Amino acid sequence: METVLITGGAGFIGSNFIPYFLEKNKNTQVVNLDLLTYAGNVSNLKEVENNSNYKFIKGDICDRNLVESLFEQYKFKGVIHFAAESHVDNSIKNPDAFVRTNVFGTFNLIDVAKNFWMNAPNVYKEGYENCRFHHISTDEVYGTLGKTGLFTEETSYAPNSPYSASKASSDFMVRSYFHTYGMNVITTNCSNNYGPKQHDEKLIPTIIRKAISGENIPIYGDGKNIRDWLYVLDHCKGIELVFKTGKTGETYNIGGKNERDNLYIVDTICSILDEIIPKEKSYKEQISFVKDRPGHDFRYAIDASKIENNLGWEAQENFETGIKKTIAWYLKKYQ
């Protein structure tokens, strides 16, 4: 049985991915390495904690001795690398943590994998010829868009926050291991994910939580910032497909074709809550506008035609179907 290392698997996307991956790959063992910083939570993985093919290890991807010992013990045949500091506001306050985890952590992980799998540039060890390093990244590395246009895999990088700059750096590190060492790497850059298990501080969980608790619902600036929203399970399906069938050295953008501004997001959630748990006044009356964050990118939107045309992936959920499932999950959590 082959074993795959998944880093950051207790976070939002990773904890949705692991149950999906284990269900689809019953002859593969998963080792989940996660430091359980504020955004990681083992309770996100309750449904797999008794799965004999699943093992959780608390640890830091920056700890080289630990990562090397895990490779020696489990003989990993693949790495799917989610682990990252990811909240833009936190990166503005504490950029050093983002550089450490996202840049140095990624380097540490890919360098250990290269040394374990390869004898020399372009020479894999016997039995490790098909090992792959899959790096999970973000559309934020491309910077911001005006009112038109889409990010493609050829879009120049122009990160605008310490978070996106650290992710851009990690993308370049992974790219360099393909071009320098001939390592089997692949990168996916996704748009804004939403769905179950997302950290409470993110936009959609915050809107739901504040709405039902009767608090002001804070929206940055004028609420006109636009994101391309991708339901997390659609993203998980894309990751598995790229990990198994994507072309070595390539990047694939995964997006939902669901551009919505923040005003639409909050309005839609409040309208659904007005229907399912009505109160005297509409939840929309709780919306309040707060000072915009520094360097807030105006618009992100992904052209996902490469993964659609080359690998046959497509998003199953649009925003209107996905948000209903998402709200139902959070109401169970918060009530």
C-alpha atoms as a PDB file:
ATOM      1  CA  MET A   1       0.000   0.000   0.000  1.00  0.00           C
ATOM      2  CA  GLU A   2       1.393   3.411  -0.989  1.00  0.00           C
ATOM      3  CA  THR A   3       1.448   6.260   1.502  1.00  0.00           C
ATOM      4  CA  VAL A   4       0.871   9.935   0.691  1.00  0.00           C
ATOM      5  CA  LEU A   5       1.896  12.828   2.945  1.00  0.00           C
ATOM      6  CA  ILE A   6      -0.725  15.562   3.239  1.00  0.00           C
ATOM      7  CA  THR A   7       0.391  18.711   5.036  1.00  0.00           C
ATOM      8  CA  GLY A   8      -2.045  21.087   6.692  1.00  0.00           C
ATOM      9  CA  GLY A   9      -4.811  18.514   6.482  1.00  0.00           C
ATOM     10  CA  ALA A  10      -6.605  19.819   9.586  1.00  0.00           C
ATOM     11  CA  GLY A  11      -7.260  23.185   7.933  1.00  0.00           C
ATOM     12  CA  PHE A  12     -10.293  24.144   5.889  1.00  0.00           C
ATOM     13  CA  ILE A  13      -9.498  22.717   2.449  1.00  0.00           C
ATOM     14  CA  GLY A  14      -7.287  19.877   3.695  1.00  0.00           C
ATOM     15  CA  SER A  15      -9.939  18.574   6.088  1.00  0.00           C
ATOM     16  CA  ASN A  16     -12.480  18.483   3.266  1.00  0.00           C
ATOM     17  CA  PHE A  17      -9.927  16.849   0.951  1.00  0.00           C
ATOM     18  CA  ILE A  18      -8.732  13.996   3.200  1.00  0.00           C
ATOM     19  CA  PRO A  19     -12.144  12.265   3.674  1.00  0.00           C
ATOM     20  CA  TYR A  20     -12.820  12.648  -0.067  1.00  0.00           C
ATOM     21  CA  PHE A  21      -9.386  11.275  -1.008  1.00  0.00           C
ATOM     22  CA  LEU A  22      -9.582   8.314   1.391  1.00  0.00           C
ATOM     23  CA  GLU A  23     -13.024   7.394   0.075  1.00  0.00           C
ATOM     24  CA  LYS A  24     -11.792   7.505  -3.538  1.00  0.00           C
ATOM     25  CA  ASN A  25      -8.424   5.779  -2.873  1.00  0.00           C
ATOM     26  CA  LYS A  26      -9.052   2.869  -0.546  1.00  0.00           C
ATOM     27  CA  ASN A  27      -5.615   1.352  -1.209  1.00  0.00           C
ATOM     28  CA  THR A  28      -3.709   4.489  -0.247  1.00  0.00           C
ATOM     29  CA  GLN A  29      -2.610   5.444   3.237  1.00  0.00           C
ATOM     30  CA  VAL A  30      -2.682   9.131   4.257  1.00  0.00           C
ATOM     31  CA  VAL A  31      -0.386  10.703   6.831  1.00  0.00           C
ATOM     32  CA  ASN A  32      -1.623  14.170   7.825  1.00  0.00           C
ATOM     33  CA  LEU A  33       1.105  16.465   9.197  1.00  0.00           C
ATOM     34  CA  ASP A  34      -0.357  19.600  10.777  1.00  0.00           C
ATOM     35  CA  LEU A  35       0.952  21.989  13.436  1.00  0.00           C
ATOM     36  CA  LEU A  36      -2.619  22.872  14.519  1.00  0.00           C
ATOM     37  CA  THR A  37      -2.093  26.610  14.523  1.00  0.00           C
ATOM     38  CA  TYR A  38      -5.256  28.708  14.946  1.00  0.00           C
ATOM     39  CA  ALA A  39      -6.842  27.563  11.640  1.00  0.00           C
ATOM     40  CA  GLY A  40      -6.231  23.815  12.058  1.00  0.00           C
ATOM     41  CA  ASN A  41      -8.543  21.649  14.137  1.00  0.00           C
ATOM     42  CA  VAL A  42      -8.492  17.851  14.484  1.00  0.00           C
ATOM     43  CA  SER A  43     -12.259  17.887  15.093  1.00  0.00           C
ATOM     44  CA  ASN A  44     -12.537  18.764  11.381  1.00  0.00           C
ATOM     45  CA  LEU A  45     -11.452  15.156  10.690  1.00  0.00           C
ATOM     46  CA  LYS A  46     -13.763  13.254  13.043  1.00  0.00           C
ATOM     47  CA  GLU A  47     -15.190  11.210  10.172  1.00  0.00           C
ATOM     48  CA  VAL A  48     -11.796   9.641   9.371  1.00  0.00           C
ATOM     49  CA  GLU A  49     -10.105   9.436  12.785  1.00  0.00           C
ATOM     50  CA  ASN A  50     -10.872   5.699  13.020  1.00  0.00           C
ATOM     51  CA  ASN A  51      -9.995   4.950   9.385  1.00  0.00           C
ATOM     52  CA  SER A  52      -7.127   2.435   9.378  1.00  0.00           C
ATOM     53  CA  ASN A  53      -5.618   4.185   6.331  1.00  0.00           C
ATOM     54  CA  TYR A  54      -5.392   7.528   8.156  1.00  0.00           C
ATOM     55  CA  LYS A  55      -2.705   8.751  10.549  1.00  0.00           C
ATOM     56  CA  PHE A  56      -2.462  12.206  12.148  1.00  0.00           C
ATOM     57  CA  ILE A  57       0.869  13.662  13.278  1.00  0.00           C
ATOM     58  CA  LYS A  58       1.138  17.036  14.990  1.00  0.00           C
ATOM     59  CA  GLY A  59       4.240  18.774  13.713  1.00  0.00           C
ATOM     60  CA  ASP A  60       5.819  21.645  11.817  1.00  0.00           C
ATOM     61  CA  ILE A  61       6.786  21.469   8.130  1.00  0.00           C
ATOM     62  CA  CYS A  62       9.720  23.733   9.050  1.00  0.00           C
ATOM     63  CA  ASP A  63      11.158  21.010  11.330  1.00  0.00           C
ATOM     64  CA  ARG A  64      13.576  19.279   8.962  1.00  0.00           C
ATOM     65  CA  ASN A  65      14.449  16.434  11.324  1.00  0.00           C
ATOM     66  CA  LEU A  66      10.769  15.599  11.744  1.00  0.00           C
ATOM     67  CA  VAL A  67      10.017  15.714   8.005  1.00  0.00           C
ATOM     68  CA  GLU A  68      13.050  13.540   7.202  1.00  0.00           C
ATOM     69  CA  SER A  69      12.098  11.004   9.877  1.00  0.00           C
ATOM     70  CA  LEU A  70       8.555  10.778   8.499  1.00  0.00           C
ATOM     71  CA  PHE A  71       9.873  10.139   4.972  1.00  0.00           C
ATOM     72  CA  GLU A  72      12.143   7.399   6.379  1.00  0.00           C
ATOM     73  CA  GLN A  73       9.316   5.815   8.365  1.00  0.00           C
ATOM     74  CA  TYR A  74       6.493   5.958   5.804  1.00  0.00           C
ATOM     75  CA  LYS A  75       8.381   5.974   2.460  1.00  0.00           C
ATOM     76  CA  PHE A  76       5.964   8.532   1.008  1.00  0.00           C
ATOM     77  CA  LYS A  77       5.198   8.158  -2.703  1.00  0.00           C
ATOM     78  CA  GLY A  78       3.504  11.542  -2.960  1.00  0.00           C
ATOM     79  CA  VAL A  79       3.065  14.856  -1.173  1.00  0.00           C
ATOM     80  CA  ILE A  80      -0.012  17.090  -1.322  1.00  0.00           C
ATOM     81  CA  HIS A  81       1.013  20.326   0.335  1.00  0.00           C
ATOM     82  CA  PHE A  82      -1.810  22.440   1.809  1.00  0.00           C
ATOM     83  CA  ALA A  83      -0.008  23.730   4.915  1.00  0.00           C
ATOM     84  CA  ALA A  84       0.118  27.523   4.865  1.00  0.00           C
ATOM     85  CA  GLU A  85      -0.648  30.640   6.788  1.00  0.00           C
ATOM     86  CA  SER A  86      -3.499  32.035   4.725  1.00  0.00           C
ATOM     87  CA  HIS A  87      -5.373  34.957   6.297  1.00  0.00           C
ATOM     88  CA  VAL A  88      -4.509  38.253   4.596  1.00  0.00           C
ATOM     89  CA  ASP A  89      -5.360  40.415   7.636  1.00  0.00           C
ATOM     90  CA  ASN A  90      -3.006  38.351   9.807  1.00  0.00           C
ATOM     91  CA  SER A  91      -0.249  38.668   7.195  1.00  0.00           C
ATOM     92  CA  ILE A  92      -0.499  42.447   7.441  1.00  0.00           C
ATOM     93  CA  LYS A  93       0.021  42.277  11.228  1.00  0.00           C
ATOM     94  CA  ASN A  94       2.552  39.409  11.389  1.00  0.00           C
ATOM     95  CA  PRO A  95       4.232  38.894   8.000  1.00  0.00           C
ATOM     96  CA  ASP A  96       7.177  36.973   9.483  1.00  0.00           C
ATOM     97  CA  ALA A  97       5.013  33.916  10.293  1.00  0.00           C
ATOM     98  CA  PHE A  98       3.869  33.827   6.660  1.00  0.00           C
ATOM     99  CA  VAL A  99       7.409  33.947   5.280  1.00  0.00           C
ATOM    100  CA  ARG A 100       8.508  31.197   7.668  1.00  0.00           C
ATOM    101  CA  THR A 101       5.689  28.747   6.994  1.00  0.00           C
ATOM    102  CA  ASN A 102       4.856  29.477   3.371  1.00  0.00           C
ATOM    103  CA  VAL A 103       8.356  30.058   1.985  1.00  0.00           C
ATOM    104  CA  PHE A 104      10.785  28.209   4.246  1.00  0.00           C
ATOM    105  CA  GLY A 105       8.273  25.454   5.101  1.00  0.00           C
ATOM    106  CA  THR A 106       7.622  24.732   1.422  1.00  0.00           C
ATOM    107  CA  PHE A 107      11.354  24.728   0.673  1.00  0.00           C
ATOM    108  CA  ASN A 108      12.023  22.362   3.582  1.00  0.00           C
ATOM    109  CA  LEU A 109       9.324  19.945   2.465  1.00  0.00           C
ATOM    110  CA  ILE A 110      10.233  19.839  -1.223  1.00  0.00           C
ATOM    111  CA  ASP A 111      13.950  19.595  -0.512  1.00  0.00           C
ATOM    112  CA  VAL A 112      13.473  16.609   1.803  1.00  0.00           C
ATOM    113  CA  ALA A 113      11.204  14.969  -0.798  1.00  0.00           C
ATOM    114  CA  LYS A 114      13.772  15.521  -3.565  1.00  0.00           C
ATOM    115  CA  ASN A 115      16.578  14.032  -1.481  1.00  0.00           C
ATOM    116  CA  PHE A 116      14.467  11.026  -0.519  1.00  0.00           C
ATOM    117  CA  TRP A 117      13.120  10.310  -4.011  1.00  0.00           C
ATOM    118  CA  MET A 118      16.060  11.258  -6.256  1.00  0.00           C
ATOM    119  CA  ASN A 119      19.735  10.319  -6.630  1.00  0.00           C
ATOM    120  CA  ALA A 120      20.659  13.269  -8.835  1.00  0.00           C
ATOM    121  CA  PRO A 121      18.981  15.845 -11.099  1.00  0.00           C
ATOM    122  CA  ASN A 122      16.553  13.997 -13.413  1.00  0.00           C
ATOM    123  CA  VAL A 123      17.419  10.627 -11.792  1.00  0.00           C
ATOM    124  CA  TYR A 124      14.756   9.080  -9.571  1.00  0.00           C
ATOM    125  CA  LYS A 125      15.615   6.228  -7.215  1.00  0.00           C
ATOM    126  CA  GLU A 126      14.313   2.791  -8.090  1.00  0.00           C
ATOM    127  CA  GLY A 127      10.721   2.417  -6.931  1.00  0.00           C
ATOM    128  CA  TYR A 128      10.218   6.191  -6.614  1.00  0.00           C
ATOM    129  CA  GLU A 129       9.986   7.064 -10.322  1.00  0.00           C
ATOM    130  CA  ASN A 130       6.321   8.151 -10.122  1.00  0.00           C
ATOM    131  CA  CYS A 131       6.475  10.164  -6.905  1.00  0.00           C
ATOM    132  CA  ARG A 132       4.849  13.576  -7.185  1.00  0.00           C
ATOM    133  CA  PHE A 133       4.893  16.800  -5.165  1.00  0.00           C
ATOM    134  CA  HIS A 134       1.595  18.703  -5.497  1.00  0.00           C
ATOM    135  CA  HIS A 135       1.690  22.302  -4.253  1.00  0.00           C
ATOM    136  CA  ILE A 136      -1.623  24.009  -3.416  1.00  0.00           C
ATOM    137  CA  SER A 137      -1.582  27.754  -4.074  1.00  0.00           C
ATOM    138  CA  THR A 138      -3.947  30.683  -4.598  1.00  0.00           C
ATOM    139  CA  ASP A 139      -5.126  33.082  -7.300  1.00  0.00           C
ATOM    140  CA  GLU A 140      -3.949  35.950  -5.074  1.00  0.00           C
ATOM    141  CA  VAL A 141      -0.410  35.532  -6.432  1.00  0.00           C
ATOM    142  CA  TYR A 142      -1.618  37.164  -9.659  1.00  0.00           C
ATOM    143  CA  GLY A 143      -2.527  40.432  -7.940  1.00  0.00           C
ATOM    144  CA  THR A 144      -5.711  42.263  -8.775  1.00  0.00           C
ATOM    145  CA  LEU A 145      -7.903  42.626 -11.860  1.00  0.00           C
ATOM    146  CA  GLY A 146      -9.885  45.583 -13.134  1.00  0.00           C
ATOM    147  CA  LYS A 147     -13.520  45.187 -14.136  1.00  0.00           C
ATOM    148  CA  THR A 148     -12.666  42.813 -16.991  1.00  0.00           C
ATOM    149  CA  GLY A 149     -10.235  39.983 -17.732  1.00  0.00           C
ATOM    150  CA  LEU A 150      -9.388  36.668 -16.079  1.00  0.00           C
ATOM    151  CA  PHE A 151      -6.317  35.110 -14.473  1.00  0.00           C
ATOM    152  CA  THR A 152      -4.797  32.376 -16.627  1.00  0.00           C
ATOM    153  CA  GLU A 153      -1.799  30.147 -15.956  1.00  0.00           C
ATOM    154  CA  GLU A 154       0.249  32.619 -18.042  1.00  0.00           C
ATOM    155  CA  THR A 155      -0.725  35.713 -16.022  1.00  0.00           C
ATOM    156  CA  SER A 156       2.320  37.479 -14.565  1.00  0.00           C
ATOM    157  CA  TYR A 157       2.670  37.309 -10.801  1.00  0.00           C
ATOM    158  CA  ALA A 158       1.954  40.597  -8.979  1.00  0.00           C
ATOM    159  CA  PRO A 159       1.192  39.780  -5.319  1.00  0.00           C
ATOM    160  CA  ASN A 160      -0.048  42.695  -3.223  1.00  0.00           C
ATOM    161  CA  SER A 161      -0.097  41.414   0.377  1.00  0.00           C
ATOM    162  CA  PRO A 162       2.540  39.701   2.527  1.00  0.00           C
ATOM    163  CA  TYR A 163       0.337  36.582   2.315  1.00  0.00           C
ATOM    164  CA  SER A 164       0.168  36.510  -1.482  1.00  0.00           C
ATOM    165  CA  ALA A 165       3.861  37.434  -1.745  1.00  0.00           C
ATOM    166  CA  SER A 166       4.774  34.465   0.455  1.00  0.00           C
ATOM    167  CA  LYS A 167       2.604  32.136  -1.637  1.00  0.00           C
ATOM    168  CA  ALA A 168       4.135  33.492  -4.851  1.00  0.00           C
ATOM    169  CA  SER A 169       7.590  32.787  -3.405  1.00  0.00           C
ATOM    170  CA  SER A 170       6.590  29.222  -2.572  1.00  0.00           C
ATOM    171  CA  ASP A 171       5.216  28.726  -6.103  1.00  0.00           C
ATOM    172  CA  PHE A 172       8.558  29.839  -7.544  1.00  0.00           C
ATOM    173  CA  MET A 173      10.444  27.510  -5.197  1.00  0.00           C
ATOM    174  CA  VAL A 174       8.380  24.541  -6.416  1.00  0.00           C
ATOM    175  CA  ARG A 175       8.830  25.608 -10.045  1.00  0.00           C
ATOM    176  CA  SER A 176      12.610  25.775  -9.548  1.00  0.00           C
ATOM    177  CA  TYR A 177      12.743  22.144  -8.383  1.00  0.00           C
ATOM    178  CA  PHE A 178      11.141  21.081 -11.663  1.00  0.00           C
ATOM    179  CA  HIS A 179      13.469  23.150 -13.861  1.00  0.00           C
ATOM    180  CA  THR A 180      16.661  22.533 -11.868  1.00  0.00           C
ATOM    181  CA  TYR A 181      16.267  18.953 -10.650  1.00  0.00           C
ATOM    182  CA  GLY A 182      13.664  17.507 -13.012  1.00  0.00           C
ATOM    183  CA  MET A 183      11.443  16.790 -10.037  1.00  0.00           C
ATOM    184  CA  ASN A 184       7.845  15.684 -10.634  1.00  0.00           C
ATOM    185  CA  VAL A 185       6.011  18.746  -9.299  1.00  0.00           C
ATOM    186  CA  ILE A 186       2.619  20.232 -10.028  1.00  0.00           C
ATOM    187  CA  THR A 187       0.901  23.384  -8.757  1.00  0.00           C
ATOM    188  CA  THR A 188      -2.747  24.361  -8.523  1.00  0.00           C
ATOM    189  CA  ASN A 189      -3.899  27.935  -7.946  1.00  0.00           C
ATOM    190  CA  CYS A 190      -7.473  28.206  -6.712  1.00  0.00           C
ATOM    191  CA  SER A 191     -10.007  30.967  -6.304  1.00  0.00           C
ATOM    192  CA  ASN A 192     -11.823  31.766  -3.025  1.00  0.00           C
ATOM    193  CA  ASN A 193     -13.086  28.554  -1.432  1.00  0.00           C
ATOM    194  CA  TYR A 194     -16.209  28.374   0.704  1.00  0.00           C
ATOM    195  CA  GLY A 195     -18.111  25.546   2.358  1.00  0.00           C
ATOM    196  CA  PRO A 196     -18.062  23.444   5.551  1.00  0.00           C
ATOM    197  CA  LYS A 197     -15.176  23.571   8.062  1.00  0.00           C
ATOM    198  CA  GLN A 198     -13.883  27.033   7.133  1.00  0.00           C
ATOM    199  CA  HIS A 199     -12.344  29.036   9.976  1.00  0.00           C
ATOM    200  CA  ASP A 200     -14.806  31.297  11.807  1.00  0.00           C
ATOM    201  CA  GLU A 201     -12.924  34.499  10.935  1.00  0.00           C
ATOM    202  CA  LYS A 202     -13.397  34.151   7.163  1.00  0.00           C
ATOM    203  CA  LEU A 203     -16.052  36.181   5.340  1.00  0.00           C
ATOM    204  CA  ILE A 204     -18.907  33.703   4.894  1.00  0.00           C
ATOM    205  CA  PRO A 205     -18.746  32.065   8.365  1.00  0.00           C
ATOM    206  CA  THR A 206     -18.480  35.577   9.880  1.00  0.00           C
ATOM    207  CA  ILE A 207     -21.602  36.773   8.055  1.00  0.00           C
ATOM    208  CA  ILE A 208     -23.610  33.729   9.219  1.00  0.00           C
ATOM    209  CA  ARG A 209     -22.309  33.836  12.790  1.00  0.00           C
ATOM    210  CA  LYS A 210     -22.859  37.574  13.278  1.00  0.00           C
ATOM    211  CA  ALA A 211     -26.289  37.455  11.624  1.00  0.00           C
ATOM    212  CA  ILE A 212     -27.754  34.797  13.893  1.00  0.00           C
ATOM    213  CA  SER A 213     -26.177  36.297  17.025  1.00  0.00           C
ATOM    214  CA  GLY A 214     -27.760  39.694  16.288  1.00  0.00           C
ATOM    215  CA  GLU A 215     -24.428  41.520  15.886  1.00  0.00           C
ATOM    216  CA  ASN A 216     -23.365  43.967  13.196  1.00  0.00           C
ATOM    217  CA  ILE A 217     -22.180  42.151  10.064  1.00  0.00           C
ATOM    218  CA  PRO A 218     -18.911  43.886   9.057  1.00  0.00           C
ATOM    219  CA  ILE A 219     -18.204  44.432   5.340  1.00  0.00           C
ATOM    220  CA  TYR A 220     -14.958  46.080   4.195  1.00  0.00           C
ATOM    221  CA  GLY A 221     -15.096  49.406   2.339  1.00  0.00           C
ATOM    222  CA  ASP A 222     -18.067  49.709  -0.001  1.00  0.00           C
ATOM    223  CA  GLY A 223     -18.551  45.933  -0.395  1.00  0.00           C
ATOM    224  CA  LYS A 224     -17.778  46.097  -4.120  1.00  0.00           C
ATOM    225  CA  ASN A 225     -14.693  43.841  -4.008  1.00  0.00           C
ATOM    226  CA  ILE A 226     -15.242  40.847  -6.280  1.00  0.00           C
ATOM    227  CA  ARG A 227     -14.083  37.254  -5.808  1.00  0.00           C
ATOM    228  CA  ASP A 228     -14.552  34.077  -7.846  1.00  0.00           C
ATOM    229  CA  TRP A 229     -16.185  31.621  -5.396  1.00  0.00           C
ATOM    230  CA  LEU A 230     -15.375  27.900  -5.537  1.00  0.00           C
ATOM    231  CA  TYR A 231     -17.234  25.311  -3.446  1.00  0.00           C
ATOM    232  CA  VAL A 232     -14.625  23.418  -1.443  1.00  0.00           C
ATOM    233  CA  LEU A 233     -15.667  19.913  -2.579  1.00  0.00           C
ATOM    234  CA  ASP A 234     -15.341  20.993  -6.229  1.00  0.00           C
ATOM    235  CA  HIS A 235     -11.816  22.145  -5.395  1.00  0.00           C
ATOM    236  CA  CYS A 236     -11.039  18.802  -3.711  1.00  0.00           C
ATOM    237  CA  LYS A 237     -12.152  16.931  -6.837  1.00  0.00           C
ATOM    238  CA  GLY A 238      -9.889  19.148  -8.944  1.00  0.00           C
ATOM    239  CA  ILE A 239      -6.893  18.583  -6.661  1.00  0.00           C
ATOM    240  CA  GLU A 240      -7.248  14.804  -6.784  1.00  0.00           C
ATOM    241  CA  LEU A 241      -7.602  14.891 -10.573  1.00  0.00           C
ATOM    242  CA  VAL A 242      -4.493  17.060 -11.021  1.00  0.00           C
ATOM    243  CA  PHE A 243      -2.472  14.984  -8.540  1.00  0.00           C
ATOM    244  CA  LYS A 244      -3.262  11.825 -10.509  1.00  0.00           C
ATOM    245  CA  THR A 245      -3.426  13.004 -14.119  1.00  0.00           C
ATOM    246  CA  GLY A 246      -1.900  16.487 -14.421  1.00  0.00           C
ATOM    247  CA  LYS A 247       1.189  17.014 -16.566  1.00  0.00           C
ATOM    248  CA  THR A 248       4.489  17.261 -14.659  1.00  0.00           C
ATOM    249  CA  GLY A 249       5.783  20.799 -14.195  1.00  0.00           C
ATOM    250  CA  GLU A 250       2.465  22.377 -15.113  1.00  0.00           C
ATOM    251  CA  THR A 251       0.201  24.785 -13.233  1.00  0.00           C
ATOM    252  CA  TYR A 252      -3.587  24.430 -13.258  1.00  0.00           C
ATOM    253  CA  ASN A 253      -5.973  27.187 -12.194  1.00  0.00           C
ATOM    254  CA  ILE A 254      -9.112  25.935 -10.414  1.00  0.00           C
ATOM    255  CA  GLY A 255     -11.979  28.425 -10.304  1.00  0.00           C
ATOM    256  CA  GLY A 256     -15.721  28.313  -9.870  1.00  0.00           C
ATOM    257  CA  LYS A 257     -16.865  30.809 -12.541  1.00  0.00           C
ATOM    258  CA  ASN A 258     -18.881  32.402  -9.766  1.00  0.00           C
ATOM    259  CA  GLU A 259     -17.836  36.031  -9.585  1.00  0.00           C
ATOM    260  CA  ARG A 260     -19.735  37.794  -6.825  1.00  0.00           C
ATOM    261  CA  ASP A 261     -19.046  40.989  -4.931  1.00  0.00           C
ATOM    262  CA  ASN A 262     -19.158  41.060  -1.135  1.00  0.00           C
ATOM    263  CA  LEU A 263     -22.463  42.961  -1.138  1.00  0.00           C
ATOM    264  CA  TYR A 264     -24.064  40.142  -3.136  1.00  0.00           C
ATOM    265  CA  ILE A 265     -22.603  37.542  -0.756  1.00  0.00           C
ATOM    266  CA  VAL A 266     -23.969  39.199   2.381  1.00  0.00           C
ATOM    267  CA  ASP A 267     -27.305  40.023   0.724  1.00  0.00           C
ATOM    268  CA  THR A 268     -27.775  36.416  -0.456  1.00  0.00           C
ATOM    269  CA  ILE A 269     -26.929  34.927   2.945  1.00  0.00           C
ATOM    270  CA  CYS A 270     -29.266  37.352   4.745  1.00  0.00           C
ATOM    271  CA  SER A 271     -32.091  36.587   2.282  1.00  0.00           C
ATOM    272  CA  ILE A 272     -31.710  32.828   2.862  1.00  0.00           C
ATOM    273  CA  LEU A 273     -31.639  33.340   6.652  1.00  0.00           C
ATOM    274  CA  ASP A 274     -34.748  35.547   6.388  1.00  0.00           C
ATOM    275  CA  GLU A 275     -36.500  32.577   4.777  1.00  0.00           C
ATOM    276  CA  ILE A 276     -35.327  29.733   7.010  1.00  0.00           C
ATOM    277  CA  ILE A 277     -35.020  31.401  10.436  1.00  0.00           C
ATOM    278  CA  PRO A 278     -36.987  34.677  10.129  1.00  0.00           C
ATOM    279  CA  LYS A 279     -37.103  37.281  12.876  1.00  0.00           C
ATOM    280  CA  GLU A 280     -38.912  40.605  13.238  1.00  0.00           C
ATOM    281  CA  LYS A 281     -36.487  42.534  11.034  1.00  0.00           C
ATOM    282  CA  SER A 282     -34.439  41.392   8.052  1.00  0.00           C
ATOM    283  CA  TYR A 283     -30.885  40.278   8.780  1.00  0.00           C
ATOM    284  CA  LYS A 284     -29.852  42.828   6.147  1.00  0.00           C
ATOM    285  CA  GLU A 285     -30.396  45.590   8.714  1.00  0.00           C
ATOM    286  CA  GLN A 286     -27.348  44.268  10.601  1.00  0.00           C
ATOM    287  CA  ILE A 287     -24.964  44.948   7.680  1.00  0.00           C
ATOM    288  CA  SER A 288     -22.379  47.589   8.585  1.00  0.00           C
ATOM    289  CA  PHE A 289     -19.487  48.934   6.534  1.00  0.00           C
ATOM    290  CA  VAL A 290     -16.059  49.097   8.172  1.00  0.00           C
ATOM    291  CA  LYS A 291     -12.765  50.686   7.153  1.00  0.00           C
ATOM    292  CA  ASP A 292     -11.221  48.842   4.201  1.00  0.00           C
ATOM    293  CA  ARG A 293      -8.109  46.789   4.822  1.00  0.00           C
ATOM    294  CA  PRO A 294      -4.762  48.053   3.431  1.00  0.00           C
ATOM    295  CA  GLY A 295      -4.004  46.936  -0.138  1.00  0.00           C
ATOM    296  CA  HIS A 296      -7.387  45.246  -0.580  1.00  0.00           C
ATOM    297  CA  ASP A 297      -7.378  43.753  -4.110  1.00  0.00           C
ATOM    298  CA  PHE A 298     -10.435  44.810  -6.113  1.00  0.00           C
ATOM    299  CA  ARG A 299     -11.222  41.701  -8.137  1.00  0.00           C
ATOM    300  CA  TYR A 300     -10.035  38.117  -8.676  1.00  0.00           C
ATOM    301  CA  ALA A 301     -11.402  35.842 -11.369  1.00  0.00           C
ATOM    302  CA  ILE A 302      -9.974  32.600 -12.748  1.00  0.00           C
ATOM    303  CA  ASP A 303     -10.049  31.156 -16.238  1.00  0.00           C
ATOM    304  CA  ALA A 304     -10.298  27.417 -15.488  1.00  0.00           C
ATOM    305  CA  SER A 305     -10.422  26.310 -19.130  1.00  0.00           C
ATOM    306  CA  LYS A 306      -7.045  24.489 -18.963  1.00  0.00           C
ATOM    307  CA  ILE A 307      -8.139  22.016 -16.270  1.00  0.00           C
ATOM    308  CA  GLU A 308     -11.589  21.759 -17.873  1.00  0.00           C
ATOM    309  CA  ASN A 309     -10.320  21.068 -21.395  1.00  0.00           C
ATOM    310  CA  ASN A 310      -7.179  19.037 -20.597  1.00  0.00           C
ATOM    311  CA  LEU A 311      -8.319  17.016 -17.568  1.00  0.00           C
ATOM    312  CA  GLY A 312     -12.121  17.061 -17.808  1.00  0.00           C
ATOM    313  CA  TRP A 313     -12.825  18.836 -14.498  1.00  0.00           C
ATOM    314  CA  GLU A 314     -15.780  21.122 -13.983  1.00  0.00           C
ATOM    315  CA  ALA A 315     -17.396  22.701 -10.940  1.00  0.00           C
ATOM    316  CA  GLN A 316     -20.597  20.920  -9.887  1.00  0.00           C
ATOM    317  CA  GLU A 317     -21.887  23.722  -7.652  1.00  0.00           C
ATOM    318  CA  ASN A 318     -22.748  27.281  -8.567  1.00  0.00           C
ATOM    319  CA  PHE A 319     -22.747  29.862  -5.788  1.00  0.00           C
ATOM    320  CA  GLU A 320     -26.502  29.704  -5.277  1.00  0.00           C
ATOM    321  CA  THR A 321     -26.515  25.909  -4.690  1.00  0.00           C
ATOM    322  CA  GLY A 322     -23.264  25.824  -2.737  1.00  0.00           C
ATOM    323  CA  ILE A 323     -24.187  28.638  -0.350  1.00  0.00           C
ATOM    324  CA  LYS A 324     -27.367  26.843   0.761  1.00  0.00           C
ATOM    325  CA  LYS A 325     -25.347  23.746   1.713  1.00  0.00           C
ATOM    326  CA  THR A 326     -22.803  25.981   3.430  1.00  0.00           C
ATOM    327  CA  ILE A 327     -25.392  27.885   5.481  1.00  0.00           C
ATOM    328  CA  ALA A 328     -27.044  24.626   6.574  1.00  0.00           C
ATOM    329  CA  TRP A 329     -23.685  23.317   7.853  1.00  0.00           C
ATOM    330  CA  TYR A 330     -22.874  26.487   9.822  1.00  0.00           C
ATOM    331  CA  LEU A 331     -26.333  26.738  11.355  1.00  0.00           C
ATOM    332  CA  LYS A 332     -25.779  23.266  12.817  1.00  0.00           C
ATOM    333  CA  LYS A 333     -22.407  24.402  14.148  1.00  0.00           C
ATOM    334  CA  TYR A 334     -23.472  27.766  15.570  1.00  0.00           C
ATOM    335  CA  GLN A 335     -26.905  26.922  16.957  1.00  0.00           C
END
